Protein backbone atom coordinates (compact mmCIF):
# COMPACT_ATOMS: atom_id res chain seq x y z
CA MET A 1 73.41 14.87 -0.70
CA THR A 2 72.24 18.47 1.10
CA LEU A 3 68.81 17.27 2.40
CA PRO A 4 68.29 16.41 5.84
CA HIS A 5 66.26 12.78 6.40
CA PRO A 6 64.97 12.64 10.26
CA ARG A 7 62.96 9.47 11.27
CA ARG A 8 60.80 9.80 14.14
CA SER A 9 59.05 11.70 16.58
CA THR A 10 60.25 11.88 20.20
CA LEU A 11 56.76 12.39 21.75
CA ALA A 12 55.43 9.31 19.53
CA ALA A 13 58.04 7.07 20.38
CA SER A 14 57.85 8.31 24.58
CA ALA A 15 53.78 7.15 24.13
CA LEU A 16 54.70 4.18 22.20
CA VAL A 17 56.72 2.72 25.19
CA LEU A 18 53.96 3.12 27.66
CA PHE A 19 51.81 1.52 25.45
CA LEU A 20 54.18 -1.79 25.04
CA LEU A 21 54.88 -2.11 28.66
CA ALA A 22 51.15 -2.43 29.15
CA ALA A 23 50.39 -4.76 26.11
CA CYS A 24 53.73 -6.81 26.74
CA GLY A 25 53.75 -7.23 30.28
CA ALA A 26 50.09 -9.72 30.01
CA ARG A 27 51.09 -11.95 27.34
CA PRO A 28 53.25 -15.55 27.29
CA VAL A 29 56.23 -16.06 26.11
CA ALA A 30 54.76 -18.73 23.92
CA PRO A 31 52.64 -19.28 21.18
CA ALA A 32 49.36 -20.52 22.10
CA SER A 33 49.97 -23.21 19.42
CA GLU A 34 52.66 -25.81 18.49
CA ASP A 35 53.90 -24.16 15.53
CA PHE A 36 56.83 -21.98 15.75
CA CYS A 37 55.92 -18.27 15.05
CA VAL A 38 57.77 -15.77 12.94
CA VAL A 39 56.55 -12.21 12.25
CA ALA A 40 58.26 -10.20 9.80
CA GLU A 41 58.41 -6.68 10.10
CA PHE A 42 57.41 -5.82 6.44
CA TYR A 43 56.71 -7.08 3.07
CA PRO A 44 60.51 -7.55 1.94
CA ILE A 45 61.39 -9.49 4.93
CA TYR A 46 58.06 -11.85 4.61
CA VAL A 47 59.20 -12.77 1.36
CA THR A 48 62.76 -14.00 2.54
CA LEU A 49 61.12 -15.75 5.44
CA LEU A 50 59.01 -17.57 3.19
CA ASN A 51 61.90 -18.60 0.94
CA VAL A 52 63.73 -19.23 4.10
CA THR A 53 61.46 -21.83 5.69
CA GLU A 54 59.52 -23.74 2.49
CA GLY A 55 59.27 -27.19 3.31
CA VAL A 56 60.16 -26.72 6.83
CA SER A 57 57.18 -28.21 9.02
CA GLY A 58 55.11 -26.28 11.74
CA VAL A 59 56.68 -23.13 10.84
CA GLN A 60 54.07 -20.34 10.38
CA VAL A 61 55.25 -17.34 9.08
CA SER A 62 53.24 -13.89 9.05
CA ASN A 63 53.89 -9.76 7.87
CA LEU A 64 52.85 -7.51 10.30
CA VAL A 65 53.47 -3.54 8.81
CA PRO A 66 50.16 -3.77 6.38
CA THR A 67 51.95 -3.64 2.43
CA ALA A 68 49.52 -0.48 2.01
CA THR A 69 52.02 1.04 4.53
CA GLY A 70 54.91 0.91 1.66
CA CYS A 71 58.72 1.66 3.42
CA PRO A 72 57.76 2.01 7.50
CA GLU A 73 60.29 3.89 8.84
CA ASP A 74 57.77 6.18 11.20
CA TYR A 75 55.29 3.28 11.41
CA GLN A 76 54.11 2.83 14.96
CA LEU A 77 53.04 -0.55 16.07
CA THR A 78 49.24 -0.74 16.77
CA PRO A 79 47.41 -2.92 19.59
CA GLY A 80 47.02 -5.78 16.96
CA ASP A 81 50.57 -5.61 16.19
CA MET A 82 51.09 -6.14 19.83
CA LYS A 83 48.83 -9.46 19.95
CA THR A 84 50.60 -10.83 17.22
CA LEU A 85 54.08 -10.50 18.36
CA THR A 86 53.58 -11.70 21.88
CA GLY A 87 52.36 -14.36 20.39
CA ALA A 88 55.81 -15.02 18.31
CA ASN A 89 58.73 -17.13 18.83
CA ILE A 90 60.77 -14.72 16.40
CA PHE A 91 60.17 -10.98 15.07
CA VAL A 92 62.68 -10.23 12.41
CA VAL A 93 63.50 -6.44 11.33
CA ASN A 94 65.35 -4.84 8.34
CA GLY A 95 67.32 -3.11 11.02
CA ALA A 96 69.66 -0.03 10.53
CA GLY A 97 67.64 2.32 11.96
CA LEU A 98 64.11 1.74 10.39
CA GLU A 99 62.16 0.66 13.06
CA GLY A 100 62.07 3.71 15.72
CA TYR A 101 60.78 1.55 17.96
CA LEU A 102 62.98 -0.95 17.88
CA GLY A 103 64.98 -0.29 21.15
CA LYS A 104 62.19 0.31 23.10
CA LEU A 105 60.81 -2.43 21.90
CA ALA A 106 63.32 -4.75 22.93
CA ARG A 107 63.79 -3.56 26.62
CA SER A 108 59.48 -3.75 27.23
CA CYS A 109 59.46 -6.96 25.78
CA PRO A 110 62.55 -9.56 26.87
CA GLN A 111 61.04 -12.23 26.17
CA LEU A 112 60.77 -11.81 22.33
CA LYS A 113 63.50 -12.78 20.38
CA VAL A 114 64.26 -10.04 17.89
CA VAL A 115 66.21 -10.86 14.36
CA ASP A 116 68.14 -7.47 13.02
CA ALA A 117 68.80 -8.61 9.45
CA SER A 118 71.40 -5.86 9.15
CA ALA A 119 73.68 -7.39 11.37
CA GLY A 120 77.69 -7.10 9.95
CA ILE A 121 76.75 -5.30 6.77
CA GLU A 122 78.29 -2.40 5.93
CA LEU A 123 75.77 0.32 6.28
CA LEU A 124 75.56 3.36 3.61
CA LYS A 125 75.23 7.22 5.10
CA LEU A 126 73.20 10.08 3.89
CA ASP A 127 73.87 13.13 5.38
CA GLY A 128 75.51 11.60 8.39
CA GLU A 129 72.64 9.39 8.64
CA VAL A 130 72.37 5.43 8.37
CA ASN A 131 70.51 4.96 5.48
CA PRO A 132 67.99 1.53 6.06
CA HIS A 133 67.05 0.26 2.54
CA LEU A 134 69.24 -2.60 2.57
CA TRP A 135 66.94 -4.70 0.76
CA VAL A 136 66.78 -2.67 -2.51
CA SER A 137 70.02 -4.35 -3.43
CA PRO A 138 70.19 -7.60 -4.08
CA LEU A 139 73.35 -7.93 -3.26
CA THR A 140 72.69 -6.21 0.21
CA ALA A 141 69.78 -8.27 0.61
CA ALA A 142 71.64 -11.37 -0.21
CA ARG A 143 73.13 -10.85 2.93
CA GLN A 144 70.05 -10.35 4.92
CA THR A 145 69.17 -13.87 3.83
CA ARG A 146 71.70 -15.40 5.06
CA ASN A 147 71.52 -13.49 8.63
CA ILE A 148 67.73 -14.54 8.73
CA ALA A 149 68.72 -18.14 7.95
CA ALA A 150 71.90 -18.65 10.85
CA ALA A 151 69.10 -16.86 13.25
CA LEU A 152 66.54 -19.40 12.50
CA ALA A 153 68.89 -22.34 12.63
CA ALA A 154 69.90 -21.08 16.32
CA ALA A 155 66.39 -20.70 17.02
CA ASP A 156 65.14 -23.93 15.86
CA PRO A 157 67.94 -26.26 15.41
CA THR A 158 65.79 -29.67 14.69
CA HIS A 159 65.57 -27.71 11.20
CA ALA A 160 68.55 -25.61 11.18
CA SER A 161 70.14 -27.72 8.18
CA LEU A 162 67.21 -27.13 6.03
CA TYR A 163 66.90 -23.34 7.05
CA GLN A 164 70.25 -22.94 5.99
CA LYS A 165 70.00 -24.69 2.51
CA ASN A 166 67.02 -23.20 1.48
CA GLY A 167 68.71 -19.70 2.95
CA GLU A 168 71.86 -20.27 0.95
CA ALA A 169 70.14 -21.08 -2.15
CA TYR A 170 67.47 -18.01 -2.10
CA ALA A 171 70.95 -15.69 -1.09
CA SER A 172 72.78 -17.43 -4.33
CA ARG A 173 69.43 -16.70 -6.62
CA GLN A 174 70.00 -12.97 -5.34
CA GLU A 175 73.33 -12.47 -5.95
CA ALA A 176 72.98 -13.88 -9.32
CA LEU A 177 70.23 -11.17 -9.94
CA ALA A 178 72.81 -8.60 -8.57
CA ALA A 179 75.36 -9.61 -10.69
CA HIS A 180 73.09 -9.56 -13.49
CA LEU A 181 72.00 -6.20 -13.13
CA ARG A 182 75.51 -4.88 -12.97
CA ASP A 183 76.36 -6.47 -16.16
CA VAL A 184 73.37 -5.45 -18.50
CA LEU A 185 73.55 -1.65 -16.83
CA SER A 186 77.58 -1.61 -16.84
CA ILE A 187 77.45 0.00 -20.12
CA ALA A 188 74.52 1.95 -19.97
CA PRO A 189 75.44 6.15 -21.20
CA VAL A 190 73.04 7.63 -18.34
CA ARG A 191 75.24 7.48 -15.25
CA ARG A 192 73.26 9.81 -12.93
CA PHE A 193 70.14 9.89 -11.18
CA VAL A 194 67.79 12.16 -8.91
CA ALA A 195 65.67 10.10 -6.51
CA PHE A 196 62.11 10.60 -5.45
CA HIS A 197 62.83 8.86 -1.92
CA ASP A 198 66.21 7.94 -0.34
CA SER A 199 65.58 4.09 -1.11
CA LEU A 200 68.20 3.95 -4.06
CA PRO A 201 71.85 4.04 -2.21
CA TYR A 202 72.52 0.75 -1.82
CA LEU A 203 71.62 -0.37 -5.40
CA ALA A 204 73.30 2.96 -7.24
CA ARG A 205 76.37 1.82 -5.09
CA ASP A 206 75.82 -1.74 -6.92
CA LEU A 207 75.27 -0.04 -10.16
CA ASN A 208 78.21 2.22 -9.93
CA LEU A 209 75.27 4.95 -10.19
CA GLU A 210 75.76 8.43 -9.18
CA MET A 211 72.33 9.65 -6.97
CA LEU A 212 72.63 13.63 -8.00
CA ALA A 213 70.14 14.85 -5.89
CA ILE A 214 66.84 13.24 -3.45
CA LEU A 215 63.45 15.17 -3.82
CA GLU A 216 61.76 14.11 -0.27
CA PRO A 217 63.54 16.46 2.46
CA ALA A 218 61.74 13.58 4.80
CA PRO A 219 59.45 10.57 4.65
CA GLY A 220 56.43 11.76 3.09
CA GLN A 221 57.32 15.70 3.04
CA ASN A 222 57.66 17.53 -0.28
CA PRO A 223 60.86 20.13 -1.05
CA SER A 224 59.82 23.51 -0.97
CA ALA A 225 59.73 25.54 -3.86
CA SER A 226 63.32 26.77 -3.61
CA GLU A 227 64.60 23.10 -2.81
CA LEU A 228 63.10 22.43 -5.83
CA ALA A 229 63.88 24.83 -8.01
CA ASP A 230 67.97 24.16 -6.71
CA VAL A 231 67.35 20.14 -7.88
CA ALA A 232 66.60 21.36 -11.28
CA THR A 233 69.69 23.48 -11.55
CA ARG A 234 71.93 21.06 -10.96
CA VAL A 235 70.50 18.83 -13.49
CA ARG A 236 70.93 21.06 -15.98
CA ALA A 237 74.31 22.05 -14.65
CA ALA A 238 75.08 18.30 -14.77
CA SER A 239 77.62 17.38 -17.43
CA GLY A 240 75.69 14.46 -18.92
CA PRO A 241 72.09 13.36 -18.86
CA VAL A 242 70.40 12.43 -15.60
CA ALA A 243 67.48 10.19 -15.30
CA LEU A 244 64.40 11.19 -13.05
CA LEU A 245 63.40 7.80 -10.66
CA THR A 246 60.45 7.57 -8.91
CA GLU A 247 59.08 4.96 -6.98
CA ILE A 248 55.87 2.29 -8.09
CA ASP A 249 52.08 3.87 -6.73
CA ALA A 250 54.53 6.95 -4.35
CA LYS A 251 52.32 10.10 -5.27
CA ASN A 252 54.48 12.92 -5.77
CA PRO A 253 53.97 16.25 -7.06
CA ALA A 254 57.39 17.52 -6.67
CA ALA A 255 58.39 15.17 -8.86
CA GLU A 256 55.39 15.72 -11.65
CA VAL A 257 57.01 19.46 -11.47
CA LEU A 258 60.17 18.75 -11.88
CA SER A 259 59.48 16.45 -14.69
CA ARG A 260 57.43 19.01 -16.61
CA GLU A 261 60.25 21.80 -15.45
CA LEU A 262 62.99 19.45 -17.11
CA GLY A 263 61.13 18.03 -19.47
CA GLN A 264 61.70 14.50 -19.00
CA PRO A 265 59.58 11.43 -17.80
CA LEU A 266 59.42 10.48 -14.70
CA TYR A 267 60.37 6.61 -14.17
CA PRO A 268 59.10 4.25 -11.51
CA LEU A 269 61.00 1.64 -9.42
CA ASP A 270 59.27 -0.86 -7.10
CA THR A 271 61.10 -1.30 -3.68
CA VAL A 272 59.01 -4.36 -3.22
CA THR A 273 57.63 -2.92 -0.08
CA ALA A 274 54.24 -4.43 -1.14
CA GLY A 275 53.08 -7.56 -3.16
CA PRO A 276 51.04 -10.65 -2.98
CA LEU A 277 50.88 -12.12 0.42
CA GLU A 278 49.96 -15.67 -0.58
CA PRO A 279 53.04 -17.78 -0.41
CA THR A 280 53.35 -19.29 -3.74
CA LEU A 281 53.35 -15.79 -5.56
CA ALA A 282 55.20 -13.69 -2.69
CA ARG A 283 58.21 -16.47 -2.78
CA GLU A 284 59.11 -14.65 -6.47
CA ALA A 285 57.91 -11.63 -5.83
CA TYR A 286 61.42 -10.23 -5.52
CA PHE A 287 62.62 -11.09 -8.38
CA HIS A 288 59.53 -10.23 -10.40
CA ALA A 289 59.80 -6.27 -9.14
CA MET A 290 63.62 -6.40 -9.67
CA LYS A 291 63.04 -7.83 -13.06
CA LYS A 292 60.75 -5.41 -14.02
CA ASN A 293 63.08 -2.58 -12.71
CA LEU A 294 65.87 -3.94 -14.73
CA SER A 295 63.46 -3.06 -17.58
CA VAL A 296 62.82 0.52 -16.50
CA LEU A 297 66.43 0.98 -15.45
CA SER A 298 67.27 -0.35 -19.22
CA VAL A 299 65.33 2.50 -20.64
CA ALA A 300 65.62 5.23 -18.21
CA LEU A 301 69.38 4.88 -18.34
CA GLY A 302 69.46 5.39 -22.24
CA LEU A 303 70.15 1.58 -22.92
CA ASN A 304 67.85 1.00 -25.83
CA LYS A 305 65.94 3.00 -28.50
CA ASN A 306 63.46 5.31 -25.88
CA SER A 307 66.13 7.12 -24.20
CA PRO A 308 65.08 9.05 -20.90
CA LEU A 309 65.50 12.20 -23.08
CA THR A 310 63.20 12.08 -25.70
CA THR A 311 60.48 9.75 -23.76
CA SER A 312 57.25 11.25 -23.36
CA SER A 313 56.77 13.21 -19.91
CA GLN A 314 53.84 11.18 -17.74
């Protein structure tokens, strides 16, 4: 890839640490209730926690970053977030550099136990920068699940066996899903794609797909006219067909321009950063999203009658 991916503002991070010092110093270490309170950084971690803690008495799971935010790459903690965190036993984060505030939060709130779900996982890099979108790959997400289950078992040993049992069951389902995606898509004739955002490297690795380019030079930033023209040139020069992949609910005028320029459709994938919060529905949200993604990729990669080169552009 040739497009840079800056992830955080130094000035915003400096302002944040002053806020954290004030907010954390006034809160007790333990929550007011007797519940074991676990806070998920954002939706995919929340879904995993609901599965790992299912049936464990006295555990309260909550989601921090609003689902409307999507991927929280540049998210800054609010006073409401700090109130939630100071009443938590554990804060589970994705890790891998997704959280610009994490180091300062750890130093400012030493009483808060922060679990890094990326610990020990081999991380991919784009343009020399670690890519944090581990959860988009079911195979890598399974490793995160086992990390989370182990951390909860260590923090709450009374229920350790149930955390580990649940975690292994959910991780095994994720690994089976990864194998199914790989098997179904292994014969797809289209093996290259252009991505709207840098969220697909781990999934692409699992499926043996080549990411030809990324449209966003940085989160929330559209490419310049020359950058967009360069991507179009690279697609036309490719030795075979190239799919155009975007994200559900993402508004990207540049992607629409590229679609019209090339006469090809856009195929939206669900990166599971939003979904129902009700526990019964949320527990299955990851699998529902990935099954829909398999249907979309089956078309985008040319496996069914609606070839990505002939489907009408949206």
